[in-house]
Each structure stands twice: as structure tokens, then as C-alpha cells.
Protein backbone atom coordinates (compact mmCIF):
# COMPACT_ATOMS: atom_id res chain seq x y z
CA UNK A 1 -46.56 54.91 59.64
CA UNK A 2 -48.77 55.80 62.61
CA UNK A 3 -50.55 52.76 64.03
CA UNK A 4 -53.18 52.65 66.77
CA UNK A 5 -53.58 49.38 68.67
CA UNK A 6 -56.43 48.42 70.99
CA UNK A 7 -55.77 46.20 73.96
CA UNK A 8 -52.51 48.11 74.16
CA UNK A 9 -51.40 46.43 77.39
CA UNK A 10 -52.14 42.92 76.17
CA UNK A 11 -49.43 40.33 75.70
CA UNK A 12 -49.53 40.42 71.90
CA UNK A 13 -50.00 44.19 71.73
CA UNK A 14 -46.98 44.99 73.89
CA UNK A 15 -44.82 42.73 71.72
CA UNK A 16 -46.18 44.38 68.59
CA UNK A 17 -45.59 47.87 69.98
CA UNK A 18 -41.94 47.04 70.65
CA UNK A 19 -41.47 45.71 67.11
CA UNK A 20 -43.15 48.68 65.46
CA UNK A 21 -41.32 51.25 67.57
CA UNK A 22 -38.01 49.54 66.83
CA UNK A 23 -38.54 49.85 63.08
CA UNK A 24 -39.44 53.52 63.39
CA UNK A 25 -43.22 53.50 63.31
CA UNK A 26 -45.25 55.85 65.50
CA UNK A 27 -47.37 53.69 67.77
CA UNK A 28 -50.27 54.46 70.09
CA UNK A 29 -51.82 51.85 72.36
CA UNK A 30 -55.34 52.17 73.75
CA UNK A 31 -55.59 51.07 77.39
CA UNK A 32 -58.33 51.09 80.03
CA UNK A 33 -56.24 51.83 83.11
CA UNK A 34 -53.85 54.78 83.50
CA UNK A 35 -51.47 52.69 85.63
CA UNK A 36 -50.66 50.63 82.52
CA UNK A 37 -49.14 53.64 80.75
CA UNK A 38 -45.60 53.04 81.97
CA UNK A 39 -45.39 49.65 80.30
CA UNK A 40 -46.46 51.17 76.98
CA UNK A 41 -43.92 53.97 77.28
CA UNK A 42 -41.23 51.36 77.95
CA UNK A 43 -42.32 49.55 74.78
CA UNK A 44 -41.98 52.75 72.77
CA UNK A 45 -45.71 53.40 72.42
CA UNK A 46 -47.88 56.39 73.28
CA UNK A 47 -50.48 55.38 75.90
CA UNK A 48 -54.05 56.45 75.17
CA UNK A 49 -56.53 55.91 78.00
CA UNK A 50 -59.95 54.99 76.60
CA UNK A 51 -62.41 52.33 77.78
CA UNK A 52 -63.93 50.85 74.64
CA UNK A 53 -66.83 49.41 76.64
CA UNK A 54 -68.06 52.88 77.57
CA UNK A 55 -66.54 55.23 74.97
CA UNK A 56 -68.56 56.77 72.17
CA UNK A 57 -67.62 56.31 68.54
CA UNK A 58 -66.72 60.02 68.48
CA UNK A 59 -64.27 59.49 71.37
CA UNK A 60 -62.53 56.63 69.60
CA UNK A 61 -62.53 58.41 66.25
CA UNK A 62 -60.53 61.26 67.77
CA UNK A 63 -57.85 58.81 68.86
CA UNK A 64 -57.63 57.42 65.32
CA UNK A 65 -57.37 60.72 63.46
CA UNK A 66 -54.11 60.93 61.53
CA UNK A 67 -53.41 57.19 61.82
CA UNK A 68 -52.36 55.08 58.84
CA UNK A 69 -53.47 51.76 60.27
CA UNK A 70 -55.43 50.27 63.16
CA UNK A 71 -55.03 46.93 64.94
CA UNK A 72 -57.76 45.42 67.10
CA UNK A 73 -55.92 43.26 69.61
CA UNK A 74 -58.23 43.71 72.59
CA UNK A 75 -59.96 40.91 74.45
CA UNK A 76 -61.95 40.44 77.61
CA UNK A 77 -59.21 38.17 78.89
CA UNK A 78 -59.14 35.15 81.21
CA UNK A 79 -61.51 35.24 84.14
CA UNK A 80 -64.14 37.27 82.31
CA UNK A 81 -67.63 35.94 81.75
CA UNK A 82 -69.73 35.45 78.66
CA UNK A 83 -71.20 38.96 78.85
CA UNK A 84 -67.80 40.63 78.57
CA UNK A 85 -66.79 38.34 75.74
CA UNK A 86 -69.63 39.96 73.84
CA UNK A 87 -69.04 43.56 74.93
CA UNK A 88 -65.28 43.46 74.32
CA UNK A 89 -64.48 40.79 71.74
CA UNK A 90 -67.47 41.68 69.58
CA UNK A 91 -68.82 45.08 70.64
CA UNK A 92 -65.51 46.88 71.06
CA UNK A 93 -64.28 45.48 67.75
CA UNK A 94 -67.33 46.90 65.96
CA UNK A 95 -66.89 50.25 67.70
CA UNK A 96 -63.22 50.41 66.72
CA UNK A 97 -64.07 49.55 63.12
CA UNK A 98 -66.77 52.24 63.07
CA UNK A 99 -64.24 54.77 64.36
CA UNK A 100 -61.60 53.72 61.84
CA UNK A 101 -64.03 54.27 59.00
CA UNK A 102 -65.02 57.68 60.34
CA UNK A 103 -61.37 58.68 60.74
CA UNK A 104 -60.50 57.51 57.23
CA UNK A 105 -58.12 54.79 58.44
CA UNK A 106 -58.39 52.09 55.79
CA UNK A 107 -55.77 49.50 56.86
CA UNK A 108 -57.35 47.45 59.62
CA UNK A 109 -56.10 44.25 61.24
CA UNK A 110 -58.13 42.24 63.70
CA UNK A 111 -56.70 39.50 65.92
CA UNK A 112 -59.29 36.75 66.04
CA UNK A 113 -59.09 33.11 67.04
CA UNK A 114 -58.87 29.83 65.21
CA UNK A 115 -62.30 28.22 65.32
CA UNK A 116 -64.15 31.53 65.33
CA UNK A 117 -66.18 30.51 62.27
CA UNK A 118 -67.12 27.12 63.65
CA UNK A 119 -70.04 26.11 65.84
CA UNK A 120 -68.55 25.14 69.22
CA UNK A 121 -68.76 21.36 69.60
CA UNK A 122 -71.02 19.83 72.26
CA UNK A 123 -69.45 19.99 75.68
CA UNK A 124 -67.47 23.18 75.01
CA UNK A 125 -67.10 25.36 78.09
CA UNK A 126 -69.94 27.94 77.85
CA UNK A 127 -67.65 30.93 78.36
CA UNK A 128 -65.20 29.71 75.72
CA UNK A 129 -68.11 29.07 73.36
CA UNK A 130 -69.26 32.64 73.96
CA UNK A 131 -65.74 33.84 73.20
CA UNK A 132 -65.65 31.99 69.88
CA UNK A 133 -69.09 33.28 68.92
CA UNK A 134 -68.06 36.85 69.79
CA UNK A 135 -64.87 36.57 67.75
CA UNK A 136 -66.75 35.13 64.81
CA UNK A 137 -69.34 37.91 64.95
CA UNK A 138 -66.59 40.55 65.09
CA UNK A 139 -64.88 39.01 62.07
CA UNK A 140 -68.13 38.97 60.14
CA UNK A 141 -68.78 42.61 61.00
CA UNK A 142 -65.34 43.73 59.83
CA UNK A 143 -65.43 41.63 56.67
CA UNK A 144 -68.72 43.25 55.63
CA UNK A 145 -67.19 46.75 55.60
CA UNK A 146 -66.22 48.31 52.30
CA UNK A 147 -64.52 51.26 54.00
CA UNK A 148 -61.70 49.15 55.42
CA UNK A 149 -58.78 47.27 53.89
CA UNK A 150 -59.12 44.56 56.50
CA UNK A 151 -57.16 41.43 57.28
CA UNK A 152 -58.42 38.93 59.85
CA UNK A 153 -55.66 36.95 61.60
CA UNK A 154 -56.68 33.77 63.43
CA UNK A 155 -53.83 32.35 65.50
CA UNK A 156 -53.78 28.86 66.90
CA UNK A 157 -53.27 28.12 70.59
CA UNK A 158 -51.05 30.85 72.00
CA UNK A 159 -47.89 30.10 73.95
CA UNK A 160 -45.30 32.22 75.73
CA UNK A 161 -42.36 30.27 74.29
CA UNK A 162 -39.68 32.32 72.56
CA UNK A 163 -40.59 33.07 68.98
CA UNK A 164 -38.85 31.15 66.23
CA UNK A 165 -39.70 33.52 63.39
CA UNK A 166 -41.01 30.48 61.51
CA UNK A 167 -44.73 30.10 60.84
CA UNK A 168 -47.43 28.63 58.65
CA UNK A 169 -49.84 31.29 57.37
CA UNK A 170 -52.75 30.29 55.13
CA UNK A 171 -56.52 30.33 54.82
CA UNK A 172 -56.52 26.93 56.52
CA UNK A 173 -53.56 25.59 58.49
CA UNK A 174 -54.93 22.88 60.76
CA UNK A 175 -54.82 23.17 64.54
CA UNK A 176 -51.53 23.75 66.34
CA UNK A 177 -49.68 26.20 68.61
CA UNK A 178 -48.08 29.53 67.83
CA UNK A 179 -46.02 31.80 70.04
CA UNK A 180 -47.20 35.28 70.92
CA UNK A 181 -43.84 36.54 69.65
CA UNK A 182 -44.57 35.10 66.20
CA UNK A 183 -48.13 36.46 66.18
CA UNK A 184 -46.77 39.95 66.86
CA UNK A 185 -44.12 39.57 64.15
CA UNK A 186 -46.76 38.44 61.67
CA UNK A 187 -49.01 41.39 62.49
CA UNK A 188 -46.08 43.77 61.99
CA UNK A 189 -45.42 42.26 58.56
CA UNK A 190 -49.10 42.28 57.58
CA UNK A 191 -49.34 46.01 58.24
CA UNK A 192 -46.94 46.54 55.34
CA UNK A 193 -48.60 43.96 53.10
CA UNK A 194 -51.69 45.69 51.66
CA UNK A 195 -52.20 42.85 49.20
CA UNK A 196 -53.42 40.72 52.13
CA UNK A 197 -56.46 42.99 52.49
CA UNK A 198 -59.70 41.08 52.24
CA UNK A 199 -58.11 37.87 53.55
CA UNK A 200 -58.86 35.74 56.59
CA UNK A 201 -55.67 33.92 57.53
CA UNK A 202 -54.87 31.24 60.08
CA UNK A 203 -51.47 31.21 61.80
CA UNK A 204 -49.54 28.44 63.53
CA UNK A 205 -45.90 27.63 64.08
CA UNK A 206 -44.18 26.28 60.98
CA UNK A 207 -41.01 26.33 58.94
CA UNK A 208 -41.39 29.46 56.79
CA UNK A 209 -39.85 32.80 57.87
CA UNK A 210 -42.56 35.32 58.76
CA UNK A 211 -41.68 37.74 55.95
CA UNK A 212 -41.78 34.97 53.34
CA UNK A 213 -45.05 33.59 54.72
CA UNK A 214 -46.70 37.01 54.49
CA UNK A 215 -45.35 37.58 50.97
CA UNK A 216 -46.72 34.20 49.90
CA UNK A 217 -50.11 34.95 51.45
CA UNK A 218 -50.21 38.25 49.57
CA UNK A 219 -49.67 36.44 46.26
CA UNK A 220 -52.39 33.82 46.70
């Protein structure tokens, strides 16, 4: 399988690239800065330099041609303001989905955030509220597309602890933490679980092996 991942230098994306390359998939990671290419090569991924904030849909479509699946794992990142939450977390996601449809790439995963469907409670940091609104809008955009076999994954609070390989994956899980290792492992499993298309799933740490959790989600 050939898989194209946005946010290719991100913490989840690099983990996912290593997993996919190790199982024999062909992986390309979209990055903004050429100096990030070495880290992708070390992870076993092909670096593709493309700034999704300025690229045209035709540019992105070219990078997706011949792919079997696409993963949107980009984000404006810490330190960015509300404007970039919208241009990256929402705008770039819509652009990538447009390009996937044009390129005929049906399998589409998007990494969202728990709480993206909720109205931020009073007192929420304005930038974080903008982030949640942008993620929610991106999810809504993707879920309205009939040209994609989409799955929305909404992890809980991310940690850098070593992955356990044990998770809880369901439409509603309750709030808790999940390691970036386990998010990447779940994404890798979801790519090969087409029966999860059309599902919005929350993910936290748990007691079910990732493969079993994905299989169970595909059956429900």
C-alpha cells in the first residue's frame, strides 16, 4: 500500500511512518521545510516538500496520485495563534481532502481531537478554543464527502510515554490520556480496516490490544 501523510515531521506522523515502513508499505510524508527530510528518510518515508497553506489543490493532487490511502496528521502546533489553527487544522485538511478526491484516493484518515464536536466551555483559552473549532470544522467537512472512505480519529490528551499497545477505541470513550505511540499504532491498523469507514472514533489508553480494538470497532 502507498500512503501519503501530511504533517510528515510531526510526532505522530514520524511514529506512523516507521510502523508503516517496517511492515512494507510505501510511505510519503508531506513536510514544509526541506531540512526535515533527513528525519523522514531515517523513518523509512519519502519526504515531499509542500506547504499546504500556500499550495494549490493541483499541487497536492499530484503528490497523491497513485496512493492507496491518505492520512491528515498536520497541525499548526504549539505556539501558533488562532489564525493558523484555522488555516492549517481546518483549511489544510479541506485542501488535502479535495486533492484526495481528485486523485481518486478513497481511504482517508484524519487525526482530530477529543472535544472537537463540543462548544468550548466558558473560560477556555481562546487559542485552544480556536483549535477545537478548527478541528471540528475539518471533521465536518470530511464527513460530508461521498468520495472518501473516511475515518475520523479523536485521541485524548497526548503523552510521550512509551506505548502499551493497549487502548480503548469507541464512538465515546470518556476523557483520558493516550500515548502518541498508541495513536500511531491505531492509525496503522485503521488503514487496513476499511469497515471503519464512515466512523468517528475516540481513542484513549485502555486494556484492549490495538488490533483487537480496531477489529471490534469495525464490527460495531
